[in-house]
Amino acid sequence: MGKTTAKAVFGVAALYLLSALPTLAADLILKVDNVKKSVAVTNTLPTKLTLLYLQGLDDRNLALFAHLDKGATVNVPLHFVMPAAVGPAVCEVGNQRRFLTVELK
């Protein structure tokens, strides 16, 4: 076995280990409906929360207010055009303000 074969074996083993790790899920999942001008927000956390706004990648705040129970989905009307990507969501969980991860579909 040469060095090249050994590198290939280690490379395959490293890829296998990386693929076996659990993927990190987003705290909130947003599904935009441009026809209805709304967004379905799903809370994946095991607690209820209040979504206050999203942070845009251009440092603008996008108002999107909703109360979500754990595992709930709420339809929220859009008053702006949803960008292709957004930053974190600013929420109140309990009495604390938190920055949550967002997946935009």
PDB file of N, CA and C in Angstrom:
ATOM      1  N   MET A   1       0.826  -1.172   0.000  1.00  0.00           N
ATOM      2  CA  MET A   1       0.000   0.000   0.000  1.00  0.00           C
ATOM      3  C   MET A   1       0.872   1.237   0.000  1.00  0.00           C
ATOM      4  N   GLY A   2       0.596   2.102  -0.957  1.00  0.00           N
ATOM      5  CA  GLY A   2       1.352   3.342  -1.030  1.00  0.00           C
ATOM      6  C   GLY A   2       0.686   4.441  -0.230  1.00  0.00           C
ATOM      7  N   LYS A   3       1.339   5.586  -0.215  1.00  0.00           N
ATOM      8  CA  LYS A   3       0.813   6.739   0.509  1.00  0.00           C
ATOM      9  C   LYS A   3      -0.501   7.214  -0.100  1.00  0.00           C
ATOM     10  N   THR A   4      -0.625   7.126  -1.406  1.00  0.00           N
ATOM     11  CA  THR A   4      -1.837   7.593  -2.075  1.00  0.00           C
ATOM     12  C   THR A   4      -3.048   6.758  -1.656  1.00  0.00           C
ATOM     13  N   THR A   5      -2.875   5.451  -1.583  1.00  0.00           N
ATOM     14  CA  THR A   5      -3.962   4.570  -1.169  1.00  0.00           C
ATOM     15  C   THR A   5      -4.351   4.830   0.288  1.00  0.00           C
ATOM     16  N   ALA A   6      -3.363   5.026   1.130  1.00  0.00           N
ATOM     17  CA  ALA A   6      -3.629   5.297   2.538  1.00  0.00           C
ATOM     18  C   ALA A   6      -4.396   6.610   2.690  1.00  0.00           C
ATOM     19  N   LYS A   7      -4.020   7.640   1.918  1.00  0.00           N
ATOM     20  CA  LYS A   7      -4.730   8.912   1.969  1.00  0.00           C
ATOM     21  C   LYS A   7      -6.170   8.751   1.513  1.00  0.00           C
ATOM     22  N   ALA A   8      -6.380   7.942   0.482  1.00  0.00           N
ATOM     23  CA  ALA A   8      -7.735   7.710  -0.019  1.00  0.00           C
ATOM     24  C   ALA A   8      -8.584   7.005   1.036  1.00  0.00           C
ATOM     25  N   VAL A   9      -8.019   6.013   1.718  1.00  0.00           N
ATOM     26  CA  VAL A   9      -8.746   5.283   2.754  1.00  0.00           C
ATOM     27  C   VAL A   9      -9.105   6.223   3.906  1.00  0.00           C
ATOM     28  N   PHE A  10      -8.149   7.039   4.351  1.00  0.00           N
ATOM     29  CA  PHE A  10      -8.436   7.993   5.425  1.00  0.00           C
ATOM     30  C   PHE A  10      -9.464   9.036   4.986  1.00  0.00           C
ATOM     31  N   GLY A  11      -9.396   9.455   3.738  1.00  0.00           N
ATOM     32  CA  GLY A  11     -10.365  10.418   3.220  1.00  0.00           C
ATOM     33  C   GLY A  11     -11.773   9.857   3.228  1.00  0.00           C
ATOM     34  N   VAL A  12     -11.946   8.613   2.790  1.00  0.00           N
ATOM     35  CA  VAL A  12     -13.264   7.970   2.794  1.00  0.00           C
ATOM     36  C   VAL A  12     -13.762   7.799   4.227  1.00  0.00           C
ATOM     37  N   ALA A  13     -12.888   7.412   5.125  1.00  0.00           N
ATOM     38  CA  ALA A  13     -13.282   7.251   6.531  1.00  0.00           C
ATOM     39  C   ALA A  13     -13.722   8.586   7.134  1.00  0.00           C
ATOM     40  N   ALA A  14     -13.002   9.663   6.811  1.00  0.00           N
ATOM     41  CA  ALA A  14     -13.372  10.990   7.338  1.00  0.00           C
ATOM     42  C   ALA A  14     -14.729  11.426   6.787  1.00  0.00           C
ATOM     43  N   LEU A  15     -14.974  11.205   5.500  1.00  0.00           N
ATOM     44  CA  LEU A  15     -16.274  11.559   4.918  1.00  0.00           C
ATOM     45  C   LEU A  15     -17.403  10.747   5.545  1.00  0.00           C
ATOM     46  N   TYR A  16     -17.153   9.478   5.811  1.00  0.00           N
ATOM     47  CA  TYR A  16     -18.161   8.635   6.447  1.00  0.00           C
ATOM     48  C   TYR A  16     -18.498   9.152   7.839  1.00  0.00           C
ATOM     49  N   LEU A  17     -17.485   9.513   8.615  1.00  0.00           N
ATOM     50  CA  LEU A  17     -17.722  10.032   9.962  1.00  0.00           C
ATOM     51  C   LEU A  17     -18.482  11.352   9.929  1.00  0.00           C
ATOM     52  N   LEU A  18     -18.145  12.230   8.987  1.00  0.00           N
ATOM     53  CA  LEU A  18     -18.846  13.500   8.876  1.00  0.00           C
ATOM     54  C   LEU A  18     -20.303  13.303   8.472  1.00  0.00           C
ATOM     55  N   SER A  19     -20.559  12.348   7.600  1.00  0.00           N
ATOM     56  CA  SER A  19     -21.942  12.113   7.177  1.00  0.00           C
ATOM     57  C   SER A  19     -22.760  11.442   8.282  1.00  0.00           C
ATOM     58  N   ALA A  20     -22.103  10.781   9.214  1.00  0.00           N
ATOM     59  CA  ALA A  20     -22.812  10.111  10.304  1.00  0.00           C
ATOM     60  C   ALA A  20     -23.210  11.082  11.416  1.00  0.00           C
ATOM     61  N   LEU A  21     -22.586  12.267  11.463  1.00  0.00           N
ATOM     62  CA  LEU A  21     -22.937  13.241  12.491  1.00  0.00           C
ATOM     63  C   LEU A  21     -24.335  13.779  12.234  1.00  0.00           C
ATOM     64  N   PRO A  22     -25.103  14.036  13.281  1.00  0.00           N
ATOM     65  CA  PRO A  22     -26.445  14.587  13.082  1.00  0.00           C
ATOM     66  C   PRO A  22     -26.353  16.015  12.549  1.00  0.00           C
ATOM     67  N   THR A  23     -27.247  16.346  11.654  1.00  0.00           N
ATOM     68  CA  THR A  23     -27.261  17.696  11.117  1.00  0.00           C
ATOM     69  C   THR A  23     -27.987  18.613  12.096  1.00  0.00           C
ATOM     70  N   LEU A  24     -27.578  19.845  12.126  1.00  0.00           N
ATOM     71  CA  LEU A  24     -28.207  20.812  13.010  1.00  0.00           C
ATOM     72  C   LEU A  24     -29.450  21.355  12.334  1.00  0.00           C
ATOM     73  N   ALA A  25     -30.566  21.294  13.013  1.00  0.00           N
ATOM     74  CA  ALA A  25     -31.820  21.792  12.467  1.00  0.00           C
ATOM     75  C   ALA A  25     -32.005  23.251  12.878  1.00  0.00           C
ATOM     76  N   ALA A  26     -32.704  23.983  12.049  1.00  0.00           N
ATOM     77  CA  ALA A  26     -33.003  25.378  12.345  1.00  0.00           C
ATOM     78  C   ALA A  26     -34.057  25.446  13.448  1.00  0.00           C
ATOM     79  N   ASP A  27     -34.029  26.525  14.209  1.00  0.00           N
ATOM     80  CA  ASP A  27     -35.019  26.737  15.265  1.00  0.00           C
ATOM     81  C   ASP A  27     -36.386  27.081  14.678  1.00  0.00           C
ATOM     82  N   LEU A  28     -36.386  27.877  13.605  1.00  0.00           N
ATOM     83  CA  LEU A  28     -37.615  28.284  12.923  1.00  0.00           C
ATOM     84  C   LEU A  28     -37.507  27.950  11.448  1.00  0.00           C
ATOM     85  N   ILE A  29     -38.591  27.453  10.878  1.00  0.00           N
ATOM     86  CA  ILE A  29     -38.633  27.161   9.443  1.00  0.00           C
ATOM     87  C   ILE A  29     -39.680  28.075   8.828  1.00  0.00           C
ATOM     88  N   LEU A  30     -39.261  28.841   7.816  1.00  0.00           N
ATOM     89  CA  LEU A  30     -40.149  29.777   7.145  1.00  0.00           C
ATOM     90  C   LEU A  30     -40.426  29.291   5.737  1.00  0.00           C
ATOM     91  N   LYS A  31     -41.696  29.210   5.367  1.00  0.00           N
ATOM     92  CA  LYS A  31     -42.079  28.836   4.014  1.00  0.00           C
ATOM     93  C   LYS A  31     -42.902  29.980   3.432  1.00  0.00           C
ATOM     94  N   VAL A  32     -42.356  30.638   2.420  1.00  0.00           N
ATOM     95  CA  VAL A  32     -42.962  31.843   1.849  1.00  0.00           C
ATOM     96  C   VAL A  32     -43.966  31.464   0.770  1.00  0.00           C
ATOM     97  N   ASP A  33     -45.137  32.111   0.821  1.00  0.00           N
ATOM     98  CA  ASP A  33     -46.162  31.963  -0.220  1.00  0.00           C
ATOM     99  C   ASP A  33     -46.355  33.345  -0.842  1.00  0.00           C
ATOM    100  N   ASN A  34     -45.710  33.565  -2.006  1.00  0.00           N
ATOM    101  CA  ASN A  34     -45.766  34.872  -2.652  1.00  0.00           C
ATOM    102  C   ASN A  34     -47.147  35.197  -3.191  1.00  0.00           C
ATOM    103  N   VAL A  35     -47.935  34.188  -3.546  1.00  0.00           N
ATOM    104  CA  VAL A  35     -49.271  34.431  -4.080  1.00  0.00           C
ATOM    105  C   VAL A  35     -50.181  34.995  -2.989  1.00  0.00           C
ATOM    106  N   LYS A  36     -50.165  34.380  -1.822  1.00  0.00           N
ATOM    107  CA  LYS A  36     -51.007  34.833  -0.705  1.00  0.00           C
ATOM    108  C   LYS A  36     -50.356  35.956   0.097  1.00  0.00           C
ATOM    109  N   LYS A  37     -49.114  36.284  -0.228  1.00  0.00           N
ATOM    110  CA  LYS A  37     -48.336  37.292   0.505  1.00  0.00           C
ATOM    111  C   LYS A  37     -48.309  36.978   1.993  1.00  0.00           C
ATOM    112  N   SER A  38     -47.911  35.738   2.295  1.00  0.00           N
ATOM    113  CA  SER A  38     -47.804  35.304   3.684  1.00  0.00           C
ATOM    114  C   SER A  38     -46.614  34.370   3.827  1.00  0.00           C
ATOM    115  N   VAL A  39     -46.283  34.088   5.057  1.00  0.00           N
ATOM    116  CA  VAL A  39     -45.197  33.153   5.358  1.00  0.00           C
ATOM    117  C   VAL A  39     -45.665  32.238   6.487  1.00  0.00           C
ATOM    118  N   ALA A  40     -45.459  30.941   6.303  1.00  0.00           N
ATOM    119  CA  ALA A  40     -45.768  29.962   7.340  1.00  0.00           C
ATOM    120  C   ALA A  40     -44.513  29.796   8.203  1.00  0.00           C
ATOM    121  N   VAL A  41     -44.650  30.061   9.487  1.00  0.00           N
ATOM    122  CA  VAL A  41     -43.529  29.970  10.425  1.00  0.00           C
ATOM    123  C   VAL A  41     -43.756  28.760  11.312  1.00  0.00           C
ATOM    124  N   THR A  42     -42.774  27.843  11.339  1.00  0.00           N
ATOM    125  CA  THR A  42     -42.857  26.634  12.166  1.00  0.00           C
ATOM    126  C   THR A  42     -41.813  26.702  13.264  1.00  0.00           C
ATOM    127  N   ASN A  43     -42.245  26.496  14.484  1.00  0.00           N
ATOM    128  CA  ASN A  43     -41.368  26.478  15.657  1.00  0.00           C
ATOM    129  C   ASN A  43     -40.911  25.047  15.900  1.00  0.00           C
ATOM    130  N   THR A  44     -39.616  24.795  15.816  1.00  0.00           N
ATOM    131  CA  THR A  44     -39.086  23.452  16.061  1.00  0.00           C
ATOM    132  C   THR A  44     -38.542  23.287  17.479  1.00  0.00           C
ATOM    133  N   LEU A  45     -38.633  24.327  18.281  1.00  0.00           N
ATOM    134  CA  LEU A  45     -38.130  24.261  19.659  1.00  0.00           C
ATOM    135  C   LEU A  45     -39.142  23.587  20.584  1.00  0.00           C
ATOM    136  N   PRO A  46     -38.692  23.014  21.700  1.00  0.00           N
ATOM    137  CA  PRO A  46     -39.608  22.363  22.643  1.00  0.00           C
ATOM    138  C   PRO A  46     -40.268  23.351  23.612  1.00  0.00           C
ATOM    139  N   THR A  47     -40.328  24.618  23.257  1.00  0.00           N
ATOM    140  CA  THR A  47     -40.931  25.641  24.099  1.00  0.00           C
ATOM    141  C   THR A  47     -41.654  26.662  23.228  1.00  0.00           C
ATOM    142  N   LYS A  48     -42.597  27.393  23.816  1.00  0.00           N
ATOM    143  CA  LYS A  48     -43.281  28.408  23.031  1.00  0.00           C
ATOM    144  C   LYS A  48     -42.455  29.682  23.019  1.00  0.00           C
ATOM    145  N   LEU A  49     -42.701  30.519  21.996  1.00  0.00           N
ATOM    146  CA  LEU A  49     -41.914  31.725  21.828  1.00  0.00           C
ATOM    147  C   LEU A  49     -42.736  32.793  21.120  1.00  0.00           C
ATOM    148  N   THR A  50     -42.210  34.002  21.135  1.00  0.00           N
ATOM    149  CA  THR A  50     -42.796  35.114  20.398  1.00  0.00           C
ATOM    150  C   THR A  50     -41.757  35.610  19.413  1.00  0.00           C
ATOM    151  N   LEU A  51     -42.065  35.486  18.126  1.00  0.00           N
ATOM    152  CA  LEU A  51     -41.181  35.978  17.070  1.00  0.00           C
ATOM    153  C   LEU A  51     -41.405  37.476  16.944  1.00  0.00           C
ATOM    154  N   LEU A  52     -40.354  38.259  17.064  1.00  0.00           N
ATOM    155  CA  LEU A  52     -40.462  39.705  16.989  1.00  0.00           C
ATOM    156  C   LEU A  52     -40.114  40.203  15.585  1.00  0.00           C
ATOM    157  N   TYR A  53     -38.939  39.826  15.094  1.00  0.00           N
ATOM    158  CA  TYR A  53     -38.528  40.243  13.755  1.00  0.00           C
ATOM    159  C   TYR A  53     -37.359  39.394  13.273  1.00  0.00           C
ATOM    160  N   LEU A  54     -37.100  39.474  11.963  1.00  0.00           N
ATOM    161  CA  LEU A  54     -35.950  38.821  11.352  1.00  0.00           C
ATOM    162  C   LEU A  54     -34.893  39.875  11.078  1.00  0.00           C
ATOM    163  N   GLN A  55     -33.653  39.478  11.152  1.00  0.00           N
ATOM    164  CA  GLN A  55     -32.585  40.380  10.761  1.00  0.00           C
ATOM    165  C   GLN A  55     -32.211  40.057   9.323  1.00  0.00           C
ATOM    166  N   GLY A  56     -32.274  41.060   8.473  1.00  0.00           N
ATOM    167  CA  GLY A  56     -31.867  40.879   7.090  1.00  0.00           C
ATOM    168  C   GLY A  56     -30.360  40.870   6.973  1.00  0.00           C
ATOM    169  N   LEU A  57     -29.854  40.336   5.883  1.00  0.00           N
ATOM    170  CA  LEU A  57     -28.408  40.296   5.687  1.00  0.00           C
ATOM    171  C   LEU A  57     -27.839  41.681   5.416  1.00  0.00           C
ATOM    172  N   ASP A  58     -28.714  42.632   5.061  1.00  0.00           N
ATOM    173  CA  ASP A  58     -28.275  44.007   4.812  1.00  0.00           C
ATOM    174  C   ASP A  58     -28.475  44.889   6.045  1.00  0.00           C
ATOM    175  N   ASP A  59     -28.537  44.281   7.231  1.00  0.00           N
ATOM    176  CA  ASP A  59     -28.689  44.963   8.522  1.00  0.00           C
ATOM    177  C   ASP A  59     -30.023  45.688   8.676  1.00  0.00           C
ATOM    178  N   ARG A  60     -31.039  45.267   7.914  1.00  0.00           N
ATOM    179  CA  ARG A  60     -32.388  45.810   8.094  1.00  0.00           C
ATOM    180  C   ARG A  60     -33.194  44.821   8.917  1.00  0.00           C
ATOM    181  N   ASN A  61     -34.133  45.324   9.697  1.00  0.00           N
ATOM    182  CA  ASN A  61     -35.028  44.463  10.457  1.00  0.00           C
ATOM    183  C   ASN A  61     -36.303  44.253   9.664  1.00  0.00           C
ATOM    184  N   LEU A  62     -36.741  43.017   9.564  1.00  0.00           N
ATOM    185  CA  LEU A  62     -37.946  42.655   8.832  1.00  0.00           C
ATOM    186  C   LEU A  62     -39.010  42.256   9.844  1.00  0.00           C
ATOM    187  N   ALA A  63     -40.014  43.098  10.004  1.00  0.00           N
ATOM    188  CA  ALA A  63     -41.056  42.863  11.007  1.00  0.00           C
ATOM    189  C   ALA A  63     -41.863  41.626  10.659  1.00  0.00           C
ATOM    190  N   LEU A  64     -41.912  40.677  11.565  1.00  0.00           N
ATOM    191  CA  LEU A  64     -42.655  39.429  11.384  1.00  0.00           C
ATOM    192  C   LEU A  64     -43.041  38.956  12.774  1.00  0.00           C
ATOM    193  N   PHE A  65     -44.181  39.409  13.283  1.00  0.00           N
ATOM    194  CA  PHE A  65     -44.588  39.166  14.664  1.00  0.00           C
ATOM    195  C   PHE A  65     -45.536  37.974  14.731  1.00  0.00           C
ATOM    196  N   ALA A  66     -45.243  37.019  15.615  1.00  0.00           N
ATOM    197  CA  ALA A  66     -46.117  35.852  15.786  1.00  0.00           C
ATOM    198  C   ALA A  66     -45.845  35.192  17.125  1.00  0.00           C
ATOM    199  N   HIS A  67     -46.911  34.641  17.727  1.00  0.00           N
ATOM    200  CA  HIS A  67     -46.801  33.801  18.925  1.00  0.00           C
ATOM    201  C   HIS A  67     -46.860  32.354  18.447  1.00  0.00           C
ATOM    202  N   LEU A  68     -45.884  31.539  18.849  1.00  0.00           N
ATOM    203  CA  LEU A  68     -45.842  30.146  18.421  1.00  0.00           C
ATOM    204  C   LEU A  68     -45.693  29.222  19.615  1.00  0.00           C
ATOM    205  N   ASP A  69     -46.584  28.249  19.721  1.00  0.00           N
ATOM    206  CA  ASP A  69     -46.421  27.189  20.702  1.00  0.00           C
ATOM    207  C   ASP A  69     -45.366  26.215  20.197  1.00  0.00           C
ATOM    208  N   LYS A  70     -44.932  25.297  21.039  1.00  0.00           N
ATOM    209  CA  LYS A  70     -43.918  24.336  20.599  1.00  0.00           C
ATOM    210  C   LYS A  70     -44.480  23.475  19.472  1.00  0.00           C
ATOM    211  N   GLY A  71     -43.713  23.348  18.406  1.00  0.00           N
ATOM    212  CA  GLY A  71     -44.103  22.539  17.251  1.00  0.00           C
ATOM    213  C   GLY A  71     -45.204  23.128  16.391  1.00  0.00           C
ATOM    214  N   ALA A  72     -45.658  24.347  16.690  1.00  0.00           N
ATOM    215  CA  ALA A  72     -46.784  24.942  15.959  1.00  0.00           C
ATOM    216  C   ALA A  72     -46.320  25.637  14.686  1.00  0.00           C
ATOM    217  N   THR A  73     -47.254  25.760  13.734  1.00  0.00           N
ATOM    218  CA  THR A  73     -47.050  26.525  12.510  1.00  0.00           C
ATOM    219  C   THR A  73     -48.108  27.614  12.448  1.00  0.00           C
ATOM    220  N   VAL A  74     -47.663  28.834  12.188  1.00  0.00           N
ATOM    221  CA  VAL A  74     -48.555  29.985  12.124  1.00  0.00           C
ATOM    222  C   VAL A  74     -48.336  30.701  10.801  1.00  0.00           C
ATOM    223  N   ASN A  75     -49.429  31.100  10.132  1.00  0.00           N
ATOM    224  CA  ASN A  75     -49.333  31.890   8.908  1.00  0.00           C
ATOM    225  C   ASN A  75     -49.352  33.364   9.282  1.00  0.00           C
ATOM    226  N   VAL A  76     -48.348  34.087   8.800  1.00  0.00           N
ATOM    227  CA  VAL A  76     -48.191  35.503   9.105  1.00  0.00           C
ATOM    228  C   VAL A  76     -48.217  36.281   7.798  1.00  0.00           C
ATOM    229  N   PRO A  77     -49.015  37.367   7.717  1.00  0.00           N
ATOM    230  CA  PRO A  77     -49.027  38.154   6.477  1.00  0.00           C
ATOM    231  C   PRO A  77     -47.697  38.877   6.285  1.00  0.00           C
ATOM    232  N   LEU A  78     -47.277  38.972   5.026  1.00  0.00           N
ATOM    233  CA  LEU A  78     -46.049  39.683   4.686  1.00  0.00           C
ATOM    234  C   LEU A  78     -46.386  41.108   4.273  1.00  0.00           C
ATOM    235  N   HIS A  79     -45.651  42.057   4.813  1.00  0.00           N
ATOM    236  CA  HIS A  79     -45.815  43.456   4.442  1.00  0.00           C
ATOM    237  C   HIS A  79     -44.589  43.953   3.686  1.00  0.00           C
ATOM    238  N   PHE A  80     -43.753  43.027   3.247  1.00  0.00           N
ATOM    239  CA  PHE A  80     -42.525  43.360   2.521  1.00  0.00           C
ATOM    240  C   PHE A  80     -42.193  42.187   1.625  1.00  0.00           C
ATOM    241  N   VAL A  81     -41.250  42.365   0.724  1.00  0.00           N
ATOM    242  CA  VAL A  81     -40.804  41.275  -0.134  1.00  0.00           C
ATOM    243  C   VAL A  81     -39.747  40.483   0.633  1.00  0.00           C
ATOM    244  N   MET A  82     -39.972  39.189   0.755  1.00  0.00           N
ATOM    245  CA  MET A  82     -39.037  38.341   1.497  1.00  0.00           C
ATOM    246  C   MET A  82     -37.770  38.160   0.673  1.00  0.00           C
ATOM    247  N   PRO A  83     -36.606  38.477   1.238  1.00  0.00           N
ATOM    248  CA  PRO A  83     -35.346  38.272   0.516  1.00  0.00           C
ATOM    249  C   PRO A  83     -35.019  36.788   0.391  1.00  0.00           C
ATOM    250  N   ALA A  84     -34.064  36.468  -0.458  1.00  0.00           N
ATOM    251  CA  ALA A  84     -33.670  35.073  -0.689  1.00  0.00           C
ATOM    252  C   ALA A  84     -32.971  34.469   0.521  1.00  0.00           C
ATOM    253  N   ALA A  85     -32.391  35.289   1.368  1.00  0.00           N
ATOM    254  CA  ALA A  85     -31.704  34.809   2.571  1.00  0.00           C
ATOM    255  C   ALA A  85     -31.919  35.817   3.694  1.00  0.00           C
ATOM    256  N   VAL A  86     -31.981  35.317   4.914  1.00  0.00           N
ATOM    257  CA  VAL A  86     -32.138  36.178   6.087  1.00  0.00           C
ATOM    258  C   VAL A  86     -31.151  35.750   7.158  1.00  0.00           C
ATOM    259  N   GLY A  87     -30.931  36.641   8.097  1.00  0.00           N
ATOM    260  CA  GLY A  87     -30.079  36.339   9.234  1.00  0.00           C
ATOM    261  C   GLY A  87     -30.898  35.683  10.328  1.00  0.00           C
ATOM    262  N   PRO A  88     -30.497  35.871  11.585  1.00  0.00           N
ATOM    263  CA  PRO A  88     -31.225  35.232  12.691  1.00  0.00           C
ATOM    264  C   PRO A  88     -32.570  35.900  12.955  1.00  0.00           C
ATOM    265  N   ALA A  89     -33.422  35.189  13.670  1.00  0.00           N
ATOM    266  CA  ALA A  89     -34.699  35.724  14.129  1.00  0.00           C
ATOM    267  C   ALA A  89     -34.528  36.189  15.568  1.00  0.00           C
ATOM    268  N   VAL A  90     -35.102  37.324  15.875  1.00  0.00           N
ATOM    269  CA  VAL A  90     -35.062  37.842  17.233  1.00  0.00           C
ATOM    270  C   VAL A  90     -36.390  37.476  17.886  1.00  0.00           C
ATOM    271  N   CYS A  91     -36.317  36.697  18.954  1.00  0.00           N
ATOM    272  CA  CYS A  91     -37.514  36.165  19.608  1.00  0.00           C
ATOM    273  C   CYS A  91     -37.423  36.362  21.114  1.00  0.00           C
ATOM    274  N   GLU A  92     -38.579  36.275  21.751  1.00  0.00           N
ATOM    275  CA  GLU A  92     -38.631  36.221  23.198  1.00  0.00           C
ATOM    276  C   GLU A  92     -39.014  34.807  23.601  1.00  0.00           C
ATOM    277  N   VAL A  93     -38.130  34.169  24.329  1.00  0.00           N
ATOM    278  CA  VAL A  93     -38.370  32.822  24.840  1.00  0.00           C
ATOM    279  C   VAL A  93     -38.392  32.958  26.357  1.00  0.00           C
ATOM    280  N   GLY A  94     -39.561  32.734  26.934  1.00  0.00           N
ATOM    281  CA  GLY A  94     -39.729  33.053  28.351  1.00  0.00           C
ATOM    282  C   GLY A  94     -39.710  34.561  28.463  1.00  0.00           C
ATOM    283  N   ASN A  95     -38.854  35.090  29.281  1.00  0.00           N
ATOM    284  CA  ASN A  95     -38.688  36.541  29.387  1.00  0.00           C
ATOM    285  C   ASN A  95     -37.335  36.991  28.867  1.00  0.00           C
ATOM    286  N   GLN A  96     -36.697  36.156  28.050  1.00  0.00           N
ATOM    287  CA  GLN A  96     -35.376  36.486  27.531  1.00  0.00           C
ATOM    288  C   GLN A  96     -35.427  36.656  26.018  1.00  0.00           C
ATOM    289  N   ARG A  97     -34.703  37.634  25.529  1.00  0.00           N
ATOM    290  CA  ARG A  97     -34.594  37.849  24.089  1.00  0.00           C
ATOM    291  C   ARG A  97     -33.489  36.938  23.559  1.00  0.00           C
ATOM    292  N   ARG A  98     -33.804  36.181  22.506  1.00  0.00           N
ATOM    293  CA  ARG A  98     -32.857  35.220  21.933  1.00  0.00           C
ATOM    294  C   ARG A  98     -32.751  35.419  20.430  1.00  0.00           C
ATOM    295  N   PHE A  99     -31.598  35.054  19.883  1.00  0.00           N
ATOM    296  CA  PHE A  99     -31.385  35.042  18.448  1.00  0.00           C
ATOM    297  C   PHE A  99     -31.461  33.589  17.998  1.00  0.00           C
ATOM    298  N   LEU A 100     -32.433  33.254  17.146  1.00  0.00           N
ATOM    299  CA  LEU A 100     -32.656  31.884  16.720  1.00  0.00           C
ATOM    300  C   LEU A 100     -32.295  31.715  15.257  1.00  0.00           C
ATOM    301  N   THR A 101     -31.892  30.496  14.905  1.00  0.00           N
ATOM    302  CA  THR A 101     -31.553  30.210  13.519  1.00  0.00           C
ATOM    303  C   THR A 101     -32.825  30.017  12.692  1.00  0.00           C
ATOM    304  N   VAL A 102     -32.722  30.382  11.415  1.00  0.00           N
ATOM    305  CA  VAL A 102     -33.875  30.366  10.518  1.00  0.00           C
ATOM    306  C   VAL A 102     -33.515  29.595   9.260  1.00  0.00           C
ATOM    307  N   GLU A 103     -34.452  28.750   8.807  1.00  0.00           N
ATOM    308  CA  GLU A 103     -34.319  28.084   7.512  1.00  0.00           C
ATOM    309  C   GLU A 103     -35.431  28.635   6.623  1.00  0.00           C
ATOM    310  N   LEU A 104     -35.053  29.201   5.495  1.00  0.00           N
ATOM    311  CA  LEU A 104     -36.004  29.810   4.581  1.00  0.00           C
ATOM    312  C   LEU A 104     -36.232  28.872   3.413  1.00  0.00           C
ATOM    313  N   LYS A 105     -37.502  28.461   3.220  1.00  0.00           N
ATOM    314  CA  LYS A 105     -37.822  27.550   2.123  1.00  0.00           C
ATOM    315  C   LYS A 105     -38.600  28.273   1.065  1.00  0.00           C
TER     316      LYS A 105
END
